[in-house]
Amino acid sequence: MHTLTAIYGAPENREEFDRHYKEVHTPLSKQMEGLRKMEVTWVDKMLTPGNATVAAQPHLVCTMYFDDEESLKASMKSPNSRAAAKDLMAFAGPLVSMITGRVEEVAL
């Protein structure tokens, strides 16, 4: 699997942000071609002090799963992904950092 993860800083107006995220952005994101799973973590507490990696407590973290890197790349070029990206930049552009990566499952 391959992931696209979005880390959102705290918005000025949390109610307005959360409403838009839940009612507009999530439905758009769920339509992304090739998306297999989507997890949203609403951050309760940052357990370490801010540092060079994460300067302040994030508001939320969204991880989207795709079959592989090629599926993610193809999805990013598709109409539904472009619509989600356009919405993202309009309501949260300065608040969001995004990363991609290969998932490695660790046996317990």
Protein backbone atom coordinates (compact mmCIF):
# COMPACT_ATOMS: atom_id res chain seq x y z
CA MET A 1 0.00 0.00 0.00
CA HIS A 2 0.93 3.63 -0.46
CA THR A 3 -0.43 6.57 1.51
CA LEU A 4 -1.14 10.24 1.06
CA THR A 5 -1.22 11.94 4.45
CA ALA A 6 -2.41 15.47 5.14
CA ILE A 7 -1.47 17.16 8.42
CA TYR A 8 -3.55 20.22 9.24
CA GLY A 9 -2.53 22.99 11.61
CA ALA A 10 -5.09 24.61 13.89
CA PRO A 11 -7.50 26.90 12.02
CA GLU A 12 -8.62 30.27 13.40
CA ASN A 13 -12.28 29.23 13.28
CA ARG A 14 -12.44 25.54 14.22
CA GLU A 15 -16.22 25.24 13.88
CA GLU A 16 -16.24 26.63 10.36
CA PHE A 17 -13.19 24.56 9.37
CA ASP A 18 -14.61 21.33 10.83
CA ARG A 19 -17.98 21.87 9.16
CA HIS A 20 -16.36 22.43 5.76
CA TYR A 21 -14.01 19.47 6.26
CA LYS A 22 -16.85 17.10 7.15
CA GLU A 23 -19.58 18.38 4.82
CA VAL A 24 -17.61 19.42 1.73
CA HIS A 25 -14.02 18.20 1.67
CA THR A 26 -14.50 14.65 2.97
CA PRO A 27 -17.24 13.82 0.42
CA LEU A 28 -14.98 15.15 -2.36
CA SER A 29 -11.99 13.18 -1.08
CA LYS A 30 -13.99 9.96 -0.81
CA GLN A 31 -14.53 10.14 -4.59
CA MET A 32 -10.80 10.08 -5.39
CA GLU A 33 -10.08 7.39 -7.93
CA GLY A 34 -8.18 4.43 -6.49
CA LEU A 35 -8.79 5.36 -2.86
CA ARG A 36 -9.01 2.17 -0.77
CA LYS A 37 -9.34 3.55 2.76
CA MET A 38 -9.40 6.92 4.51
CA GLU A 39 -8.69 7.58 8.18
CA VAL A 40 -9.10 10.91 9.97
CA THR A 41 -7.51 11.52 13.36
CA TRP A 42 -8.86 14.51 15.29
CA VAL A 43 -5.86 15.35 17.46
CA ASP A 44 -6.61 15.52 21.19
CA LYS A 45 -3.17 16.18 22.56
CA MET A 46 0.40 16.52 21.37
CA LEU A 47 2.57 14.38 23.64
CA THR A 48 5.94 15.92 22.81
CA PRO A 49 6.97 19.56 22.69
CA GLY A 50 6.99 21.23 19.30
CA ASN A 51 10.19 20.63 17.35
CA ALA A 52 11.58 20.89 13.82
CA THR A 53 9.32 18.04 12.67
CA VAL A 54 6.02 19.32 14.08
CA ALA A 55 6.18 22.84 15.48
CA ALA A 56 2.70 22.95 17.02
CA GLN A 57 -0.14 20.56 17.75
CA PRO A 58 -1.94 19.56 14.55
CA HIS A 59 -5.70 19.93 14.39
CA LEU A 60 -6.22 16.75 12.38
CA VAL A 61 -4.36 14.17 10.34
CA CYS A 62 -5.93 12.40 7.36
CA THR A 63 -4.34 9.31 5.84
CA MET A 64 -5.58 8.00 2.50
CA TYR A 65 -4.56 4.54 1.28
CA PHE A 66 -3.95 3.41 -2.31
CA ASP A 67 -2.86 0.03 -3.72
CA ASP A 68 0.60 1.28 -4.70
CA GLU A 69 2.56 4.36 -5.72
CA GLU A 70 1.36 4.10 -9.32
CA SER A 71 -2.28 4.08 -8.19
CA LEU A 72 -1.69 7.16 -6.07
CA LYS A 73 0.04 8.99 -8.92
CA ALA A 74 -2.75 8.10 -11.34
CA SER A 75 -5.36 9.23 -8.82
CA MET A 76 -3.65 12.59 -8.35
CA LYS A 77 -4.11 13.29 -12.08
CA SER A 78 -7.80 12.33 -12.11
CA PRO A 79 -10.77 14.76 -12.13
CA ASN A 80 -12.10 13.82 -8.69
CA SER A 81 -8.68 14.19 -7.05
CA ARG A 82 -8.20 17.55 -8.74
CA ALA A 83 -11.57 18.71 -7.41
CA ALA A 84 -10.57 17.66 -3.88
CA ALA A 85 -7.19 19.38 -4.24
CA LYS A 86 -8.82 22.60 -5.48
CA ASP A 87 -11.15 22.60 -2.48
CA LEU A 88 -8.24 21.84 -0.13
CA MET A 89 -6.23 24.81 -1.33
CA ALA A 90 -9.26 27.09 -1.10
CA PHE A 91 -10.17 26.34 2.52
CA ALA A 92 -6.94 25.06 4.09
CA GLY A 93 -4.00 25.82 1.81
CA PRO A 94 -1.76 27.56 4.36
CA LEU A 95 -2.70 25.09 7.11
CA VAL A 96 -1.88 21.80 5.40
CA SER A 97 1.30 19.80 4.85
CA MET A 98 1.15 16.63 2.77
CA ILE A 99 3.39 13.59 2.54
CA THR A 100 3.31 10.31 0.62
CA GLY A 101 4.89 7.04 1.56
CA ARG A 102 5.04 3.29 1.30
CA VAL A 103 3.27 1.36 4.05
CA GLU A 104 5.18 -1.42 5.78
CA GLU A 105 3.09 -3.59 8.08
CA VAL A 106 4.85 -4.79 11.20
CA ALA A 107 3.85 -8.16 12.59
CA LEU A 108 2.95 -8.20 16.27
